[in-house]
Amino acid sequence: MFSSSGPVGAARMGTDLRTSVVNEWGRCHDVRNLFIIDGSIFVTAGGVNPTCTIQALALYIADAMKKNLANLFD
C-alpha cells in the first residue's frame, strides 16, 4: 500500500476562494502572479505515486499560462 508523506492538499485547487488557494490553472487567489504547481494543489492524497499526475498538471498549467499570456500579469 502506498502512503503519501509529502504535503498534499496544503494549497487546494478550486474556484471557491473560501475553500481553495489556487484557481483551476494553478494561479493563487491571494498572491498576484504566484502559480503553485506541485502535489499541494491536490485535494487529497491518492493511492499511488503522484509523480505522473504532477507532471501532467505542470504541462496543463504551463499551457494555460501560455494561452492566457496577454492577461496573465494584470
N, C-alpha and C. Protein backbone atom coordinates (compact mmCIF):
# COMPACT_ATOMS: atom_id res chain seq x y z
N MET A 1 0.85 -1.19 0.00
CA MET A 1 0.00 0.00 0.00
C MET A 1 0.89 1.24 0.00
N PHE A 2 0.58 2.18 -0.87
CA PHE A 2 1.34 3.44 -0.96
C PHE A 2 0.81 4.43 0.06
N SER A 3 1.71 5.13 0.66
CA SER A 3 1.33 6.17 1.62
C SER A 3 2.07 7.43 1.25
N SER A 4 1.36 8.52 1.11
CA SER A 4 1.98 9.78 0.75
C SER A 4 2.51 10.47 1.99
N SER A 5 3.78 10.83 1.97
CA SER A 5 4.35 11.52 3.13
C SER A 5 4.65 12.98 2.82
N GLY A 6 4.44 13.39 1.57
CA GLY A 6 4.68 14.78 1.19
C GLY A 6 3.46 15.63 1.45
N PRO A 7 3.63 16.95 1.34
CA PRO A 7 2.49 17.85 1.56
C PRO A 7 1.48 17.76 0.42
N VAL A 8 0.31 17.29 0.74
CA VAL A 8 -0.76 17.17 -0.25
C VAL A 8 -1.98 17.88 0.31
N GLY A 9 -2.57 18.74 -0.49
CA GLY A 9 -3.78 19.42 -0.05
C GLY A 9 -3.54 20.72 0.69
N ALA A 10 -2.30 21.16 0.78
CA ALA A 10 -2.00 22.40 1.51
C ALA A 10 -2.39 23.64 0.72
N ALA A 11 -2.48 23.52 -0.60
CA ALA A 11 -2.84 24.65 -1.47
C ALA A 11 -3.87 24.17 -2.48
N ARG A 12 -5.01 23.79 -2.02
CA ARG A 12 -6.03 23.16 -2.85
C ARG A 12 -6.44 23.99 -4.06
N MET A 13 -6.72 23.28 -5.16
CA MET A 13 -7.16 23.90 -6.40
C MET A 13 -8.68 23.97 -6.41
N GLY A 14 -9.22 25.09 -6.85
CA GLY A 14 -10.66 25.23 -6.95
C GLY A 14 -11.08 26.63 -7.33
N THR A 15 -12.37 26.81 -7.50
CA THR A 15 -12.89 28.12 -7.89
C THR A 15 -13.44 28.91 -6.71
N ASP A 16 -13.71 28.26 -5.60
CA ASP A 16 -14.24 28.93 -4.41
C ASP A 16 -13.08 29.48 -3.58
N LEU A 17 -13.01 30.79 -3.45
CA LEU A 17 -11.92 31.42 -2.73
C LEU A 17 -11.90 31.06 -1.25
N ARG A 18 -13.03 30.64 -0.70
CA ARG A 18 -13.09 30.28 0.72
C ARG A 18 -12.52 28.89 0.99
N THR A 19 -12.52 28.01 0.00
CA THR A 19 -12.09 26.63 0.23
C THR A 19 -10.89 26.22 -0.61
N SER A 20 -10.33 27.13 -1.39
CA SER A 20 -9.18 26.78 -2.23
C SER A 20 -8.15 27.90 -2.22
N VAL A 21 -6.94 27.55 -2.59
CA VAL A 21 -5.82 28.51 -2.60
C VAL A 21 -5.52 28.98 -4.02
N VAL A 22 -5.63 28.06 -5.00
CA VAL A 22 -5.33 28.40 -6.39
C VAL A 22 -6.55 28.14 -7.27
N ASN A 23 -6.60 28.80 -8.43
CA ASN A 23 -7.71 28.60 -9.36
C ASN A 23 -7.47 27.34 -10.18
N GLU A 24 -8.29 27.13 -11.21
CA GLU A 24 -8.23 25.90 -11.99
C GLU A 24 -6.97 25.75 -12.83
N TRP A 25 -6.14 26.77 -12.92
CA TRP A 25 -4.86 26.61 -13.60
C TRP A 25 -3.68 27.06 -12.74
N GLY A 26 -3.80 26.85 -11.44
CA GLY A 26 -2.67 26.99 -10.53
C GLY A 26 -2.33 28.37 -10.05
N ARG A 27 -3.10 29.37 -10.46
CA ARG A 27 -2.80 30.75 -10.05
C ARG A 27 -3.40 31.02 -8.67
N CYS A 28 -2.59 31.54 -7.79
CA CYS A 28 -3.00 31.80 -6.41
C CYS A 28 -4.10 32.87 -6.37
N HIS A 29 -5.12 32.64 -5.56
CA HIS A 29 -6.21 33.61 -5.44
C HIS A 29 -5.75 34.91 -4.78
N ASP A 30 -4.86 34.81 -3.80
CA ASP A 30 -4.50 35.97 -2.98
C ASP A 30 -3.18 36.66 -3.35
N VAL A 31 -2.25 35.93 -3.93
CA VAL A 31 -0.94 36.49 -4.25
C VAL A 31 -0.83 36.63 -5.76
N ARG A 32 -0.76 37.84 -6.21
CA ARG A 32 -0.74 38.12 -7.64
C ARG A 32 0.45 37.47 -8.34
N ASN A 33 0.16 36.78 -9.43
CA ASN A 33 1.17 36.16 -10.28
C ASN A 33 1.99 35.06 -9.60
N LEU A 34 1.41 34.42 -8.58
CA LEU A 34 2.03 33.26 -7.96
C LEU A 34 1.30 32.02 -8.47
N PHE A 35 2.05 31.09 -9.02
CA PHE A 35 1.49 29.84 -9.52
C PHE A 35 2.07 28.70 -8.69
N ILE A 36 1.22 27.80 -8.26
CA ILE A 36 1.66 26.65 -7.48
C ILE A 36 1.43 25.41 -8.33
N ILE A 37 2.52 24.70 -8.60
CA ILE A 37 2.45 23.55 -9.49
C ILE A 37 3.18 22.38 -8.85
N ASP A 38 2.54 21.76 -7.86
CA ASP A 38 3.10 20.57 -7.23
C ASP A 38 1.97 19.79 -6.56
N GLY A 39 2.30 18.82 -5.75
CA GLY A 39 1.29 17.97 -5.13
C GLY A 39 0.39 18.68 -4.14
N SER A 40 0.77 19.86 -3.71
CA SER A 40 -0.06 20.56 -2.71
C SER A 40 -1.38 21.05 -3.29
N ILE A 41 -1.52 21.09 -4.62
CA ILE A 41 -2.80 21.54 -5.20
C ILE A 41 -3.83 20.41 -5.24
N PHE A 42 -3.42 19.19 -4.93
CA PHE A 42 -4.36 18.07 -4.88
C PHE A 42 -5.30 18.27 -3.69
N VAL A 43 -6.53 17.85 -3.87
CA VAL A 43 -7.49 17.95 -2.77
C VAL A 43 -7.18 16.92 -1.69
N THR A 44 -6.70 15.76 -2.11
CA THR A 44 -6.37 14.69 -1.17
C THR A 44 -5.29 13.80 -1.78
N ALA A 45 -4.68 12.97 -0.95
CA ALA A 45 -3.65 12.06 -1.43
C ALA A 45 -4.29 10.90 -2.18
N GLY A 46 -3.61 10.45 -3.22
CA GLY A 46 -4.09 9.30 -3.97
C GLY A 46 -3.51 8.02 -3.42
N GLY A 47 -3.81 6.91 -4.06
CA GLY A 47 -3.32 5.63 -3.60
C GLY A 47 -2.03 5.19 -4.26
N VAL A 48 -1.52 5.98 -5.20
CA VAL A 48 -0.29 5.62 -5.91
C VAL A 48 0.64 6.83 -5.97
N ASN A 49 1.84 6.61 -6.47
CA ASN A 49 2.82 7.68 -6.59
C ASN A 49 2.27 8.78 -7.51
N PRO A 50 2.28 10.05 -7.07
CA PRO A 50 1.65 11.14 -7.83
C PRO A 50 2.55 11.81 -8.87
N THR A 51 3.74 11.29 -9.12
CA THR A 51 4.68 11.97 -10.00
C THR A 51 4.12 12.23 -11.39
N CYS A 52 3.53 11.23 -12.01
CA CYS A 52 2.99 11.40 -13.36
C CYS A 52 1.85 12.42 -13.38
N THR A 53 1.03 12.42 -12.35
CA THR A 53 -0.07 13.38 -12.26
C THR A 53 0.46 14.79 -12.08
N ILE A 54 1.49 14.95 -11.28
CA ILE A 54 2.10 16.28 -11.09
C ILE A 54 2.70 16.77 -12.40
N GLN A 55 3.35 15.88 -13.14
CA GLN A 55 3.91 16.25 -14.45
C GLN A 55 2.81 16.67 -15.41
N ALA A 56 1.71 15.94 -15.43
CA ALA A 56 0.60 16.28 -16.31
C ALA A 56 -0.01 17.63 -15.92
N LEU A 57 -0.16 17.87 -14.63
CA LEU A 57 -0.68 19.17 -14.18
C LEU A 57 0.27 20.30 -14.54
N ALA A 58 1.56 20.07 -14.42
CA ALA A 58 2.53 21.10 -14.78
C ALA A 58 2.42 21.47 -16.26
N LEU A 59 2.25 20.46 -17.11
CA LEU A 59 2.08 20.72 -18.54
C LEU A 59 0.76 21.44 -18.82
N TYR A 60 -0.31 21.02 -18.14
CA TYR A 60 -1.62 21.66 -18.30
C TYR A 60 -1.57 23.13 -17.87
N ILE A 61 -0.95 23.39 -16.72
CA ILE A 61 -0.88 24.76 -16.21
C ILE A 61 0.02 25.62 -17.09
N ALA A 62 1.14 25.06 -17.56
CA ALA A 62 2.02 25.82 -18.46
C ALA A 62 1.29 26.17 -19.75
N ASP A 63 0.48 25.24 -20.26
CA ASP A 63 -0.30 25.52 -21.47
C ASP A 63 -1.34 26.60 -21.20
N ALA A 64 -2.01 26.54 -20.05
CA ALA A 64 -2.99 27.57 -19.69
C ALA A 64 -2.33 28.93 -19.54
N MET A 65 -1.13 28.96 -18.96
CA MET A 65 -0.39 30.22 -18.82
C MET A 65 -0.06 30.79 -20.20
N LYS A 66 0.38 29.93 -21.10
CA LYS A 66 0.73 30.37 -22.45
C LYS A 66 -0.49 30.94 -23.18
N LYS A 67 -1.64 30.25 -23.06
CA LYS A 67 -2.87 30.70 -23.71
C LYS A 67 -3.39 32.01 -23.14
N ASN A 68 -3.11 32.27 -21.86
CA ASN A 68 -3.61 33.46 -21.18
C ASN A 68 -2.52 34.50 -20.97
N LEU A 69 -1.45 34.41 -21.70
CA LEU A 69 -0.29 35.29 -21.50
C LEU A 69 -0.64 36.76 -21.61
N ALA A 70 -1.55 37.12 -22.49
CA ALA A 70 -1.92 38.54 -22.66
C ALA A 70 -2.55 39.11 -21.41
N ASN A 71 -3.25 38.29 -20.65
CA ASN A 71 -3.94 38.76 -19.43
C ASN A 71 -3.29 38.25 -18.14
N LEU A 72 -2.15 37.59 -18.26
CA LEU A 72 -1.54 36.92 -17.13
C LEU A 72 -1.06 37.87 -16.05
N PHE A 73 -0.52 38.99 -16.42
CA PHE A 73 0.08 39.89 -15.44
C PHE A 73 -0.76 41.15 -15.23
N ASP A 74 -2.07 40.98 -15.16
CA ASP A 74 -2.96 42.12 -14.96
C ASP A 74 -3.06 42.52 -13.50
